[in-house]
Structures are given as structure tokens and as C-alpha cells.
Amino acid sequence: MDVTALSNAKVGSMGVVERIDLPEDVCHYLAHLGFLPGTTIEVLRSAPAGDPRVYRLDGVEVGLRFETAKHIYLKVAEAVGAWR
């Protein structure tokens, strides 16, 4: 599996969080949203301008800005019915 920044994962792809490279307070906030190493994430859709994007993790949809998502690294597993 390839490791890529969450911000670079294609819409419709899925993967597992490998690591998060952000300050501790931001990591703590993201952990409360469910962004933890080992969590499976699906890239659902992007806003018309491409930012923010919506992700599904543990059955919950969460929107993140590009600036945050680029520091979350994902092992990309597969594409699931990509649509944009």
C-alpha cells in the first residue's frame, strides 16, 4: 500500500491512518473527531473549489480543510465508487 497525505487521496479512495504530523493540541482535537492511527477513512467528496473535503470514518462524515489534511498520512487501500 502506498502512503500519501490525506489531502492527496482521490475521492472514492479508502485507507488507514498511518500517522498525523501536527501539533499536539491539533492531534488531540482530531482524535476526538476519530482521526487516530489505524482508523479507516473514506474520501467522500470535495467542495466545488476542492476545499474542504468530506471524509467518512467510523460511520461519521467529517469535513477538513486541505491545510489540515495534508499533515495526515494514509495507507491508501482501494477506490470505492469514485464520484466527484
N, C-alpha and C. Protein backbone atom coordinates (compact mmCIF):
# COMPACT_ATOMS: atom_id res chain seq x y z
N MET A 1 0.83 -1.19 0.00
CA MET A 1 0.00 0.00 0.00
C MET A 1 0.87 1.24 0.00
N ASP A 2 0.43 2.23 -0.76
CA ASP A 2 1.14 3.50 -0.81
C ASP A 2 0.71 4.38 0.35
N VAL A 3 1.66 5.17 0.87
CA VAL A 3 1.35 6.15 1.90
C VAL A 3 1.31 7.51 1.24
N THR A 4 0.22 8.23 1.47
CA THR A 4 0.06 9.55 0.88
C THR A 4 -0.63 10.47 1.89
N ALA A 5 -0.49 11.75 1.68
CA ALA A 5 -1.22 12.71 2.52
C ALA A 5 -2.70 12.57 2.24
N LEU A 6 -3.50 12.68 3.26
CA LEU A 6 -4.96 12.57 3.10
C LEU A 6 -5.46 13.58 2.08
N SER A 7 -4.84 14.73 2.04
CA SER A 7 -5.26 15.78 1.09
C SER A 7 -5.04 15.36 -0.36
N ASN A 8 -4.13 14.41 -0.59
CA ASN A 8 -3.82 13.95 -1.96
C ASN A 8 -4.57 12.68 -2.35
N ALA A 9 -5.26 12.06 -1.40
CA ALA A 9 -6.02 10.85 -1.71
C ALA A 9 -7.19 11.21 -2.62
N LYS A 10 -7.48 10.34 -3.58
CA LYS A 10 -8.53 10.61 -4.54
C LYS A 10 -9.90 10.40 -3.92
N VAL A 11 -10.86 11.19 -4.39
CA VAL A 11 -12.25 10.99 -3.97
C VAL A 11 -12.64 9.57 -4.36
N GLY A 12 -13.24 8.85 -3.42
CA GLY A 12 -13.64 7.47 -3.64
C GLY A 12 -12.64 6.47 -3.11
N SER A 13 -11.47 6.95 -2.71
CA SER A 13 -10.46 6.03 -2.18
C SER A 13 -10.64 5.83 -0.68
N MET A 14 -10.05 4.76 -0.19
CA MET A 14 -10.08 4.46 1.24
C MET A 14 -8.67 4.16 1.70
N GLY A 15 -8.45 4.30 2.98
CA GLY A 15 -7.16 3.96 3.52
C GLY A 15 -7.18 3.99 5.03
N VAL A 16 -6.03 3.68 5.59
CA VAL A 16 -5.88 3.61 7.05
C VAL A 16 -4.89 4.69 7.47
N VAL A 17 -5.23 5.42 8.52
CA VAL A 17 -4.35 6.49 9.01
C VAL A 17 -3.05 5.87 9.50
N GLU A 18 -1.94 6.35 8.94
CA GLU A 18 -0.60 5.88 9.30
C GLU A 18 -0.04 6.74 10.44
N ARG A 19 -0.11 8.06 10.26
CA ARG A 19 0.39 8.97 11.28
C ARG A 19 -0.16 10.37 11.03
N ILE A 20 -0.07 11.21 12.06
CA ILE A 20 -0.52 12.60 11.96
C ILE A 20 0.62 13.47 12.42
N ASP A 21 1.08 14.37 11.56
CA ASP A 21 2.19 15.27 11.88
C ASP A 21 1.68 16.68 12.11
N LEU A 22 1.09 16.90 13.26
CA LEU A 22 0.56 18.22 13.64
C LEU A 22 0.87 18.46 15.12
N PRO A 23 0.77 19.70 15.56
CA PRO A 23 1.00 19.97 16.99
C PRO A 23 0.04 19.15 17.86
N GLU A 24 0.47 18.88 19.07
CA GLU A 24 -0.28 18.00 19.97
C GLU A 24 -1.72 18.46 20.19
N ASP A 25 -1.94 19.77 20.32
CA ASP A 25 -3.31 20.23 20.57
C ASP A 25 -4.22 19.96 19.37
N VAL A 26 -3.68 20.07 18.17
CA VAL A 26 -4.46 19.78 16.97
C VAL A 26 -4.71 18.27 16.86
N CYS A 27 -3.68 17.46 17.16
CA CYS A 27 -3.84 16.00 17.15
C CYS A 27 -4.91 15.58 18.15
N HIS A 28 -4.93 16.23 19.30
CA HIS A 28 -5.92 15.91 20.33
C HIS A 28 -7.32 16.21 19.81
N TYR A 29 -7.48 17.36 19.16
CA TYR A 29 -8.78 17.72 18.59
C TYR A 29 -9.19 16.71 17.52
N LEU A 30 -8.25 16.35 16.64
CA LEU A 30 -8.56 15.39 15.57
C LEU A 30 -8.89 14.01 16.15
N ALA A 31 -8.23 13.64 17.24
CA ALA A 31 -8.51 12.35 17.88
C ALA A 31 -9.96 12.30 18.36
N HIS A 32 -10.46 13.44 18.86
CA HIS A 32 -11.87 13.49 19.29
C HIS A 32 -12.81 13.33 18.11
N LEU A 33 -12.37 13.71 16.92
CA LEU A 33 -13.19 13.53 15.71
C LEU A 33 -13.06 12.12 15.16
N GLY A 34 -12.08 11.36 15.65
CA GLY A 34 -11.88 9.99 15.20
C GLY A 34 -10.65 9.77 14.35
N PHE A 35 -9.87 10.82 14.11
CA PHE A 35 -8.64 10.69 13.30
C PHE A 35 -7.52 10.16 14.18
N LEU A 36 -7.40 8.84 14.23
CA LEU A 36 -6.38 8.17 15.02
C LEU A 36 -5.64 7.17 14.14
N PRO A 37 -4.37 6.92 14.42
CA PRO A 37 -3.66 5.89 13.66
C PRO A 37 -4.43 4.57 13.72
N GLY A 38 -4.57 3.93 12.56
CA GLY A 38 -5.29 2.66 12.46
C GLY A 38 -6.75 2.82 12.05
N THR A 39 -7.25 4.05 12.03
CA THR A 39 -8.64 4.30 11.63
C THR A 39 -8.77 4.25 10.12
N THR A 40 -9.83 3.59 9.63
CA THR A 40 -10.11 3.56 8.20
C THR A 40 -10.89 4.80 7.81
N ILE A 41 -10.44 5.45 6.73
CA ILE A 41 -11.06 6.69 6.23
C ILE A 41 -11.42 6.51 4.77
N GLU A 42 -12.61 6.99 4.41
CA GLU A 42 -13.04 7.01 3.02
C GLU A 42 -13.16 8.47 2.59
N VAL A 43 -12.61 8.79 1.44
CA VAL A 43 -12.70 10.15 0.90
C VAL A 43 -14.01 10.25 0.14
N LEU A 44 -14.95 11.03 0.65
CA LEU A 44 -16.30 11.07 0.07
C LEU A 44 -16.47 12.09 -1.04
N ARG A 45 -16.12 13.34 -0.79
CA ARG A 45 -16.35 14.37 -1.80
C ARG A 45 -15.59 15.65 -1.44
N SER A 46 -15.50 16.52 -2.45
CA SER A 46 -14.86 17.82 -2.28
C SER A 46 -15.86 18.92 -2.52
N ALA A 47 -15.63 20.07 -1.91
CA ALA A 47 -16.41 21.26 -2.23
C ALA A 47 -16.12 21.63 -3.69
N PRO A 48 -16.98 22.41 -4.32
CA PRO A 48 -16.77 22.76 -5.73
C PRO A 48 -15.38 23.34 -6.03
N ALA A 49 -14.81 24.07 -5.11
CA ALA A 49 -13.47 24.63 -5.33
C ALA A 49 -12.37 23.66 -4.86
N GLY A 50 -12.76 22.48 -4.36
CA GLY A 50 -11.78 21.48 -3.94
C GLY A 50 -11.45 21.49 -2.46
N ASP A 51 -11.89 22.47 -1.74
CA ASP A 51 -11.57 22.58 -0.32
C ASP A 51 -12.73 23.24 0.41
N PRO A 52 -13.25 22.68 1.49
CA PRO A 52 -12.79 21.48 2.18
C PRO A 52 -13.26 20.20 1.49
N ARG A 53 -12.82 19.08 2.04
CA ARG A 53 -13.25 17.77 1.58
C ARG A 53 -13.95 17.06 2.74
N VAL A 54 -14.80 16.12 2.37
CA VAL A 54 -15.55 15.38 3.38
C VAL A 54 -15.05 13.94 3.40
N TYR A 55 -14.82 13.45 4.61
CA TYR A 55 -14.31 12.10 4.83
C TYR A 55 -15.29 11.35 5.71
N ARG A 56 -15.33 10.03 5.55
CA ARG A 56 -16.14 9.19 6.44
C ARG A 56 -15.21 8.31 7.26
N LEU A 57 -15.40 8.36 8.57
CA LEU A 57 -14.65 7.49 9.46
C LEU A 57 -15.58 7.03 10.56
N ASP A 58 -15.60 5.74 10.81
CA ASP A 58 -16.48 5.14 11.81
C ASP A 58 -17.93 5.55 11.60
N GLY A 59 -18.36 5.65 10.34
CA GLY A 59 -19.75 5.97 10.02
C GLY A 59 -20.12 7.43 10.14
N VAL A 60 -19.17 8.29 10.44
CA VAL A 60 -19.42 9.71 10.61
C VAL A 60 -18.73 10.49 9.50
N GLU A 61 -19.41 11.48 8.94
CA GLU A 61 -18.81 12.33 7.92
C GLU A 61 -18.21 13.57 8.58
N VAL A 62 -16.95 13.84 8.23
CA VAL A 62 -16.21 14.97 8.82
C VAL A 62 -15.57 15.76 7.68
N GLY A 63 -15.70 17.08 7.73
CA GLY A 63 -15.06 17.95 6.74
C GLY A 63 -13.75 18.48 7.29
N LEU A 64 -12.72 18.47 6.45
CA LEU A 64 -11.41 19.01 6.83
C LEU A 64 -10.88 19.89 5.72
N ARG A 65 -10.19 20.94 6.10
CA ARG A 65 -9.52 21.80 5.15
C ARG A 65 -8.24 21.13 4.64
N PHE A 66 -7.81 21.52 3.45
CA PHE A 66 -6.59 21.00 2.84
C PHE A 66 -5.41 21.16 3.77
N GLU A 67 -5.31 22.33 4.41
CA GLU A 67 -4.15 22.62 5.27
C GLU A 67 -4.02 21.64 6.43
N THR A 68 -5.12 21.11 6.92
CA THR A 68 -5.06 20.11 7.98
C THR A 68 -4.83 18.72 7.39
N ALA A 69 -5.57 18.39 6.33
CA ALA A 69 -5.50 17.05 5.74
C ALA A 69 -4.11 16.72 5.18
N LYS A 70 -3.35 17.75 4.81
CA LYS A 70 -2.04 17.46 4.23
C LYS A 70 -1.03 16.95 5.25
N HIS A 71 -1.38 17.02 6.54
CA HIS A 71 -0.49 16.52 7.60
C HIS A 71 -0.95 15.18 8.17
N ILE A 72 -1.98 14.60 7.57
CA ILE A 72 -2.47 13.29 7.97
C ILE A 72 -2.06 12.31 6.88
N TYR A 73 -1.30 11.29 7.25
CA TYR A 73 -0.78 10.35 6.26
C TYR A 73 -1.57 9.06 6.31
N LEU A 74 -1.90 8.58 5.11
CA LEU A 74 -2.83 7.48 4.93
C LEU A 74 -2.19 6.39 4.09
N LYS A 75 -2.39 5.13 4.48
CA LYS A 75 -2.05 4.00 3.62
C LYS A 75 -3.28 3.75 2.77
N VAL A 76 -3.18 4.11 1.49
CA VAL A 76 -4.33 4.00 0.59
C VAL A 76 -4.56 2.54 0.25
N ALA A 77 -5.80 2.09 0.45
CA ALA A 77 -6.13 0.69 0.24
C ALA A 77 -6.82 0.44 -1.09
N GLU A 78 -7.85 1.19 -1.40
CA GLU A 78 -8.62 0.91 -2.61
C GLU A 78 -9.51 2.10 -2.95
N ALA A 79 -10.03 2.05 -4.17
CA ALA A 79 -11.01 3.05 -4.59
C ALA A 79 -12.38 2.41 -4.49
N VAL A 80 -13.35 3.15 -4.00
CA VAL A 80 -14.71 2.63 -3.88
C VAL A 80 -15.67 3.58 -4.57
N GLY A 81 -16.09 3.25 -5.77
CA GLY A 81 -17.10 4.03 -6.49
C GLY A 81 -16.84 5.51 -6.53
N ALA A 82 -15.71 5.91 -7.06
CA ALA A 82 -15.35 7.32 -7.09
C ALA A 82 -16.38 8.16 -7.83
N TRP A 83 -16.72 9.28 -7.26
CA TRP A 83 -17.58 10.26 -7.91
C TRP A 83 -17.16 11.62 -7.42
N ARG A 84 -17.34 12.58 -8.22
CA ARG A 84 -16.93 13.93 -7.88
C ARG A 84 -17.99 14.93 -8.14
